[in-house]
Structure formats: C-alpha cells, structure tokens
Amino acid sequence: AFFTTEVSEESDRRTGLLVEFSDTDKIFTNPADERTENYVTGRFG
C-alpha cells in the first residue's frame, strides 16, 4: 500500500490518503498510480 497526505485548501489541515493498495510486487514493478511510481523510484519523498 502507498499512503500520502493532502492539505485542505480551506483549513490547511492534512488528511491521510490511501493512494494505492496491491501486492508488493505490483506496487514496485507496475504501479497503477503515477504518485506511487514517483515514490518507489525516488522522485518523491
């Protein structure tokens, strides 16, 4: 699973967000979400 946070524009509060849930192998080799791919390849975080 890959989690991140989003910041509310109205209140500046952060909320957790489940971006993607799958088998570990799929997350690291063929993620469905670009944000997950950016994280596992080191372009984010």
Protein backbone atom coordinates (compact mmCIF):
# COMPACT_ATOMS: atom_id res chain seq x y z
CA ALA A 1 0.00 0.00 0.00
CA PHE A 2 1.09 3.57 -0.57
CA PHE A 3 -0.22 6.37 1.61
CA THR A 4 0.34 10.11 1.33
CA THR A 5 -1.24 13.26 2.73
CA GLU A 6 -3.27 16.03 1.18
CA VAL A 7 -3.57 19.55 2.54
CA SER A 8 -7.04 21.08 2.66
CA GLU A 9 -7.18 24.43 0.89
CA GLU A 10 -9.85 25.68 3.31
CA SER A 11 -8.16 24.86 6.61
CA ASP A 12 -4.53 23.85 5.86
CA ARG A 13 -5.24 20.56 7.69
CA ARG A 14 -3.50 17.42 6.46
CA THR A 15 -5.51 14.29 5.78
CA GLY A 16 -4.15 10.82 5.08
CA LEU A 17 -4.92 9.34 1.68
CA LEU A 18 -4.63 5.73 0.52
CA VAL A 19 -3.22 6.13 -2.98
CA GLU A 20 -2.79 2.52 -3.98
CA PHE A 21 -3.27 -0.94 -2.48
CA SER A 22 -1.92 -4.06 -4.16
CA ASP A 23 0.61 -6.88 -3.86
CA THR A 24 4.11 -5.64 -3.05
CA ASP A 25 5.48 -6.93 -6.36
CA LYS A 26 2.89 -4.98 -8.36
CA ILE A 27 3.45 -1.79 -6.33
CA PHE A 28 7.17 -1.87 -7.11
CA THR A 29 7.12 -3.18 -10.70
CA ASN A 30 3.90 -1.89 -12.23
CA PRO A 31 2.13 0.66 -10.02
CA ALA A 32 -1.28 1.85 -11.19
CA ASP A 33 -0.89 5.41 -9.89
CA GLU A 34 1.78 7.86 -11.02
CA ARG A 35 2.27 9.10 -7.43
CA THR A 36 3.18 5.56 -6.33
CA GLU A 37 5.65 5.22 -9.19
CA ASN A 38 7.24 8.55 -8.30
CA TYR A 39 7.66 7.42 -4.69
CA VAL A 40 9.12 3.96 -5.36
CA THR A 41 11.57 5.36 -7.94
CA GLY A 42 12.81 8.09 -5.59
CA ARG A 43 11.27 11.09 -7.35
CA PHE A 44 9.07 11.92 -4.34
CA GLY A 45 9.60 11.67 -0.59
